[in-house]
Amino acid sequence: MAEKAEKPEGKKTVKKTEAKDGQKSGGFLMYKGRPLVRSGNVLYYGNMTDKCVVMLQILSTKTVKDMTVAEKVQVQLMSTDPELRMKERILKKSEKTGLYNAMDIGTVWLERALEDK
């Protein structure tokens, strides 16, 4: 979302109010307006203050040219409720080939879960 502000000369400028994809906001990498945090082979997508987040665990990797890329990725939609046991926190679970496919399904799950507030 952008706000327009006028300069004294009458020229218009755009003031950025939120981070775009891939930009850092508050120290976190942002993807589609939500934080994406990595710790080793585990990525967390979403705000921990929301009712759920997506956890992506890289199970296997492969080398393409000189880069190591994710091959098998486990996707879990998890509740952030601290009252629940770990097994009860898992709302949905799947295994995908490639990080793109995992992020794609994880994003859809998270958006649908947060709509149902």
N, C-alpha and C. Protein backbone atom coordinates (compact mmCIF):
# COMPACT_ATOMS: atom_id res chain seq x y z
N MET A 1 0.85 -1.16 0.00
CA MET A 1 0.00 0.00 0.00
C MET A 1 0.90 1.22 0.00
N ALA A 2 0.60 2.21 -0.75
CA ALA A 2 1.43 3.39 -0.86
C ALA A 2 0.62 4.63 -0.57
N GLU A 3 1.27 5.62 0.04
CA GLU A 3 0.65 6.90 0.31
C GLU A 3 1.34 7.95 -0.55
N LYS A 4 0.58 8.91 -1.05
CA LYS A 4 1.16 9.98 -1.85
C LYS A 4 1.30 11.22 -0.97
N ALA A 5 2.44 11.86 -1.10
CA ALA A 5 2.69 13.09 -0.36
C ALA A 5 3.17 14.14 -1.34
N GLU A 6 2.72 15.36 -1.15
CA GLU A 6 3.12 16.44 -2.08
C GLU A 6 4.34 17.15 -1.56
N LYS A 7 5.26 17.47 -2.49
CA LYS A 7 6.42 18.29 -2.17
C LYS A 7 6.03 19.74 -2.39
N PRO A 8 6.79 20.67 -1.83
CA PRO A 8 6.46 22.09 -2.02
C PRO A 8 6.42 22.50 -3.48
N GLU A 9 7.22 21.88 -4.34
CA GLU A 9 7.24 22.23 -5.76
C GLU A 9 6.03 21.67 -6.50
N GLY A 10 5.21 20.90 -5.85
CA GLY A 10 4.05 20.31 -6.50
C GLY A 10 4.32 18.92 -7.07
N LYS A 11 5.56 18.41 -6.92
CA LYS A 11 5.87 17.07 -7.41
C LYS A 11 5.36 16.05 -6.41
N LYS A 12 4.91 14.91 -6.93
CA LYS A 12 4.40 13.86 -6.07
C LYS A 12 5.47 12.80 -5.85
N THR A 13 5.52 12.28 -4.61
CA THR A 13 6.42 11.19 -4.28
C THR A 13 5.60 10.07 -3.67
N VAL A 14 6.16 8.88 -3.69
CA VAL A 14 5.47 7.73 -3.11
C VAL A 14 6.23 7.30 -1.87
N LYS A 15 5.51 7.21 -0.77
CA LYS A 15 6.10 6.78 0.49
C LYS A 15 5.76 5.31 0.69
N LYS A 16 6.77 4.48 0.87
CA LYS A 16 6.53 3.05 1.06
C LYS A 16 6.11 2.79 2.49
N THR A 17 5.01 2.05 2.65
CA THR A 17 4.51 1.75 3.99
C THR A 17 4.67 0.28 4.36
N GLU A 18 4.97 -0.57 3.41
CA GLU A 18 5.20 -1.98 3.72
C GLU A 18 6.24 -2.54 2.77
N ALA A 19 6.90 -3.61 3.20
CA ALA A 19 7.97 -4.20 2.40
C ALA A 19 7.41 -5.02 1.25
N LYS A 20 8.11 -5.00 0.14
CA LYS A 20 7.75 -5.84 -1.00
C LYS A 20 8.38 -7.21 -0.80
N ASP A 21 8.03 -8.19 -1.68
CA ASP A 21 8.62 -9.52 -1.58
C ASP A 21 10.13 -9.44 -1.61
N GLY A 22 10.76 -10.19 -0.73
CA GLY A 22 12.20 -10.28 -0.73
C GLY A 22 12.89 -9.17 0.05
N GLN A 23 12.18 -8.14 0.47
CA GLN A 23 12.79 -7.07 1.24
C GLN A 23 12.67 -7.37 2.72
N LYS A 24 13.62 -6.85 3.48
CA LYS A 24 13.60 -7.08 4.92
C LYS A 24 12.75 -6.03 5.61
N SER A 25 11.98 -6.48 6.59
CA SER A 25 11.15 -5.60 7.40
C SER A 25 11.28 -6.07 8.84
N GLY A 26 11.81 -5.23 9.69
CA GLY A 26 11.99 -5.63 11.08
C GLY A 26 13.03 -6.72 11.25
N GLY A 27 13.96 -6.84 10.32
CA GLY A 27 15.01 -7.84 10.42
C GLY A 27 14.68 -9.17 9.78
N PHE A 28 13.48 -9.36 9.27
CA PHE A 28 13.09 -10.62 8.65
C PHE A 28 12.91 -10.45 7.14
N LEU A 29 13.26 -11.49 6.40
CA LEU A 29 12.98 -11.52 4.97
C LEU A 29 11.48 -11.69 4.81
N MET A 30 10.88 -10.89 3.92
CA MET A 30 9.43 -10.94 3.73
C MET A 30 9.10 -11.61 2.41
N TYR A 31 8.06 -12.47 2.41
CA TYR A 31 7.56 -13.12 1.21
C TYR A 31 6.05 -12.98 1.23
N LYS A 32 5.50 -12.33 0.24
CA LYS A 32 4.05 -12.08 0.14
C LYS A 32 3.50 -11.45 1.41
N GLY A 33 4.26 -10.50 1.96
CA GLY A 33 3.80 -9.74 3.12
C GLY A 33 3.94 -10.43 4.46
N ARG A 34 4.56 -11.60 4.50
CA ARG A 34 4.74 -12.32 5.76
C ARG A 34 6.22 -12.67 5.94
N PRO A 35 6.69 -12.77 7.19
CA PRO A 35 8.09 -13.09 7.42
C PRO A 35 8.44 -14.52 7.04
N LEU A 36 9.65 -14.68 6.50
CA LEU A 36 10.20 -15.99 6.14
C LEU A 36 11.54 -16.11 6.86
N VAL A 37 11.62 -17.03 7.81
CA VAL A 37 12.80 -17.17 8.67
C VAL A 37 13.39 -18.55 8.50
N ARG A 38 14.72 -18.61 8.35
CA ARG A 38 15.41 -19.90 8.18
C ARG A 38 16.30 -20.19 9.37
N SER A 39 16.27 -21.44 9.81
CA SER A 39 17.16 -21.92 10.85
C SER A 39 17.65 -23.29 10.42
N GLY A 40 18.84 -23.35 9.84
CA GLY A 40 19.37 -24.61 9.32
C GLY A 40 18.56 -25.07 8.13
N ASN A 41 18.03 -26.27 8.18
CA ASN A 41 17.21 -26.81 7.09
C ASN A 41 15.72 -26.63 7.32
N VAL A 42 15.36 -25.76 8.25
CA VAL A 42 13.95 -25.51 8.55
C VAL A 42 13.63 -24.04 8.27
N LEU A 43 12.53 -23.81 7.57
CA LEU A 43 12.06 -22.45 7.29
C LEU A 43 10.68 -22.29 7.92
N TYR A 44 10.45 -21.12 8.50
CA TYR A 44 9.14 -20.79 9.06
C TYR A 44 8.58 -19.64 8.26
N TYR A 45 7.32 -19.75 7.86
CA TYR A 45 6.66 -18.72 7.06
C TYR A 45 5.40 -18.28 7.78
N GLY A 46 5.32 -17.00 8.11
CA GLY A 46 4.14 -16.44 8.76
C GLY A 46 4.51 -15.75 10.06
N ASN A 47 3.55 -15.05 10.61
CA ASN A 47 3.74 -14.34 11.88
C ASN A 47 3.44 -15.28 13.04
N MET A 48 4.32 -15.31 14.02
CA MET A 48 4.09 -16.16 15.18
C MET A 48 2.93 -15.65 16.04
N THR A 49 2.50 -14.41 15.81
CA THR A 49 1.36 -13.86 16.55
C THR A 49 0.03 -14.28 15.94
N ASP A 50 0.04 -14.81 14.71
CA ASP A 50 -1.17 -15.32 14.08
C ASP A 50 -1.52 -16.68 14.65
N LYS A 51 -2.68 -17.20 14.28
CA LYS A 51 -3.10 -18.49 14.86
C LYS A 51 -2.34 -19.68 14.29
N CYS A 52 -1.68 -19.52 13.13
CA CYS A 52 -0.87 -20.62 12.59
C CYS A 52 0.24 -20.10 11.68
N VAL A 53 1.24 -20.95 11.46
CA VAL A 53 2.37 -20.66 10.58
C VAL A 53 2.66 -21.91 9.76
N VAL A 54 3.51 -21.75 8.75
CA VAL A 54 3.92 -22.89 7.94
C VAL A 54 5.38 -23.21 8.28
N MET A 55 5.66 -24.48 8.51
CA MET A 55 7.02 -24.94 8.73
C MET A 55 7.43 -25.79 7.52
N LEU A 56 8.56 -25.45 6.92
CA LEU A 56 9.08 -26.19 5.77
C LEU A 56 10.41 -26.81 6.20
N GLN A 57 10.50 -28.11 6.14
CA GLN A 57 11.73 -28.81 6.51
C GLN A 57 12.33 -29.45 5.27
N ILE A 58 13.57 -29.08 4.96
CA ILE A 58 14.25 -29.64 3.80
C ILE A 58 14.77 -31.02 4.18
N LEU A 59 14.24 -32.05 3.54
CA LEU A 59 14.60 -33.42 3.85
C LEU A 59 15.80 -33.91 3.05
N SER A 60 15.90 -33.47 1.79
CA SER A 60 17.05 -33.85 0.96
C SER A 60 17.38 -32.73 -0.01
N THR A 61 18.65 -32.72 -0.42
CA THR A 61 19.12 -31.70 -1.36
C THR A 61 19.83 -32.37 -2.53
N LYS A 62 20.01 -31.60 -3.60
CA LYS A 62 20.77 -32.07 -4.75
C LYS A 62 21.62 -30.92 -5.25
N THR A 63 22.68 -31.24 -6.00
CA THR A 63 23.56 -30.21 -6.54
C THR A 63 23.21 -29.96 -8.00
N VAL A 64 22.93 -28.70 -8.31
CA VAL A 64 22.66 -28.28 -9.68
C VAL A 64 23.73 -27.25 -10.02
N LYS A 65 24.59 -27.63 -11.00
CA LYS A 65 25.77 -26.82 -11.33
C LYS A 65 26.59 -26.67 -10.06
N ASP A 66 26.75 -25.48 -9.53
CA ASP A 66 27.55 -25.29 -8.31
C ASP A 66 26.71 -24.96 -7.09
N MET A 67 25.39 -25.14 -7.19
CA MET A 67 24.51 -24.78 -6.08
C MET A 67 23.83 -26.01 -5.49
N THR A 68 23.60 -25.96 -4.20
CA THR A 68 22.84 -26.99 -3.52
C THR A 68 21.40 -26.49 -3.41
N VAL A 69 20.45 -27.27 -3.95
CA VAL A 69 19.04 -26.88 -3.92
C VAL A 69 18.21 -27.95 -3.22
N ALA A 70 17.09 -27.53 -2.67
CA ALA A 70 16.20 -28.46 -1.96
C ALA A 70 15.54 -29.40 -2.96
N GLU A 71 15.49 -30.68 -2.60
CA GLU A 71 14.83 -31.67 -3.45
C GLU A 71 13.50 -32.08 -2.82
N LYS A 72 13.54 -32.71 -1.65
CA LYS A 72 12.31 -33.09 -0.95
C LYS A 72 12.11 -32.15 0.23
N VAL A 73 10.89 -31.62 0.33
CA VAL A 73 10.57 -30.66 1.39
C VAL A 73 9.27 -31.10 2.05
N GLN A 74 9.30 -31.17 3.38
CA GLN A 74 8.09 -31.49 4.14
C GLN A 74 7.43 -30.17 4.54
N VAL A 75 6.13 -30.05 4.29
CA VAL A 75 5.37 -28.83 4.58
C VAL A 75 4.37 -29.16 5.69
N GLN A 76 4.33 -28.30 6.71
CA GLN A 76 3.37 -28.48 7.80
C GLN A 76 2.72 -27.15 8.13
N LEU A 77 1.40 -27.15 8.17
CA LEU A 77 0.65 -26.02 8.69
C LEU A 77 0.49 -26.27 10.17
N MET A 78 1.03 -25.36 10.99
CA MET A 78 1.07 -25.59 12.43
C MET A 78 0.37 -24.49 13.20
N SER A 79 -0.33 -24.88 14.24
CA SER A 79 -0.95 -23.92 15.15
C SER A 79 0.14 -23.30 16.02
N THR A 80 -0.04 -22.05 16.39
CA THR A 80 0.92 -21.39 17.28
C THR A 80 0.44 -21.39 18.73
N ASP A 81 -0.62 -22.13 19.01
CA ASP A 81 -1.18 -22.21 20.36
C ASP A 81 -0.22 -22.97 21.28
N PRO A 82 0.36 -22.30 22.28
CA PRO A 82 1.33 -22.98 23.16
C PRO A 82 0.68 -24.00 24.09
N GLU A 83 -0.63 -23.98 24.20
CA GLU A 83 -1.35 -24.91 25.08
C GLU A 83 -1.40 -26.32 24.49
N LEU A 84 -1.25 -26.44 23.16
CA LEU A 84 -1.36 -27.74 22.49
C LEU A 84 -0.04 -28.50 22.52
N ARG A 85 -0.13 -29.83 22.54
CA ARG A 85 1.06 -30.67 22.39
C ARG A 85 1.54 -30.56 20.95
N MET A 86 2.80 -30.92 20.70
CA MET A 86 3.39 -30.75 19.37
C MET A 86 2.61 -31.52 18.30
N LYS A 87 2.18 -32.73 18.57
CA LYS A 87 1.42 -33.51 17.59
C LYS A 87 0.06 -32.88 17.30
N GLU A 88 -0.54 -32.25 18.29
CA GLU A 88 -1.83 -31.60 18.11
C GLU A 88 -1.72 -30.29 17.34
N ARG A 89 -0.53 -29.70 17.32
CA ARG A 89 -0.32 -28.43 16.62
C ARG A 89 -0.33 -28.59 15.10
N ILE A 90 0.01 -29.77 14.61
CA ILE A 90 0.08 -30.00 13.16
C ILE A 90 -1.33 -30.11 12.61
N LEU A 91 -1.72 -29.14 11.76
CA LEU A 91 -3.05 -29.10 11.18
C LEU A 91 -3.10 -29.78 9.82
N LYS A 92 -2.04 -29.61 9.02
CA LYS A 92 -1.92 -30.24 7.71
C LYS A 92 -0.45 -30.58 7.48
N LYS A 93 -0.23 -31.62 6.66
CA LYS A 93 1.13 -32.07 6.42
C LYS A 93 1.23 -32.66 5.02
N SER A 94 2.33 -32.36 4.32
CA SER A 94 2.55 -32.90 2.98
C SER A 94 4.04 -32.90 2.68
N GLU A 95 4.43 -33.66 1.67
CA GLU A 95 5.81 -33.67 1.20
C GLU A 95 5.81 -33.30 -0.27
N LYS A 96 6.64 -32.33 -0.63
CA LYS A 96 6.69 -31.83 -2.01
C LYS A 96 8.10 -31.93 -2.55
N THR A 97 8.20 -31.95 -3.88
CA THR A 97 9.49 -31.93 -4.56
C THR A 97 9.81 -30.49 -4.91
N GLY A 98 10.88 -29.96 -4.34
CA GLY A 98 11.32 -28.60 -4.62
C GLY A 98 10.74 -27.59 -3.66
N LEU A 99 11.53 -26.57 -3.39
CA LEU A 99 11.12 -25.54 -2.45
C LEU A 99 9.97 -24.69 -3.01
N TYR A 100 9.97 -24.44 -4.31
CA TYR A 100 8.90 -23.64 -4.91
C TYR A 100 7.54 -24.31 -4.69
N ASN A 101 7.44 -25.59 -4.97
CA ASN A 101 6.17 -26.31 -4.80
C ASN A 101 5.75 -26.33 -3.32
N ALA A 102 6.72 -26.48 -2.43
CA ALA A 102 6.42 -26.49 -1.00
C ALA A 102 5.91 -25.12 -0.54
N MET A 103 6.57 -24.05 -0.98
CA MET A 103 6.14 -22.70 -0.62
C MET A 103 4.77 -22.38 -1.20
N ASP A 104 4.51 -22.88 -2.41
CA ASP A 104 3.24 -22.64 -3.07
C ASP A 104 2.08 -23.22 -2.26
N ILE A 105 2.18 -24.49 -1.88
CA ILE A 105 1.09 -25.12 -1.12
C ILE A 105 1.02 -24.55 0.30
N GLY A 106 2.17 -24.25 0.89
CA GLY A 106 2.20 -23.67 2.23
C GLY A 106 1.53 -22.30 2.28
N THR A 107 1.75 -21.50 1.26
CA THR A 107 1.14 -20.17 1.18
C THR A 107 -0.38 -20.28 1.08
N VAL A 108 -0.86 -21.20 0.26
CA VAL A 108 -2.31 -21.40 0.10
C VAL A 108 -2.92 -21.87 1.42
N TRP A 109 -2.30 -22.84 2.07
CA TRP A 109 -2.81 -23.33 3.35
C TRP A 109 -2.89 -22.22 4.38
N LEU A 110 -1.81 -21.42 4.46
CA LEU A 110 -1.76 -20.36 5.46
C LEU A 110 -2.81 -19.29 5.19
N GLU A 111 -2.96 -18.88 3.95
CA GLU A 111 -3.97 -17.87 3.61
C GLU A 111 -5.37 -18.36 3.94
N ARG A 112 -5.67 -19.60 3.62
CA ARG A 112 -7.01 -20.15 3.92
C ARG A 112 -7.24 -20.27 5.42
N ALA A 113 -6.22 -20.70 6.15
CA ALA A 113 -6.37 -20.85 7.60
C ALA A 113 -6.57 -19.50 8.29
N LEU A 114 -5.89 -18.48 7.81
CA LEU A 114 -6.01 -17.16 8.43
C LEU A 114 -7.30 -16.45 8.03
N GLU A 115 -7.91 -16.85 6.90
CA GLU A 115 -9.21 -16.32 6.50
C GLU A 115 -10.31 -16.77 7.45
N ASP A 116 -10.16 -17.97 8.00
CA ASP A 116 -11.18 -18.59 8.85
C ASP A 116 -11.18 -18.07 10.28
N LYS A 117 -10.56 -16.93 10.53
CA LYS A 117 -10.51 -16.38 11.89
C LYS A 117 -11.89 -16.20 12.38
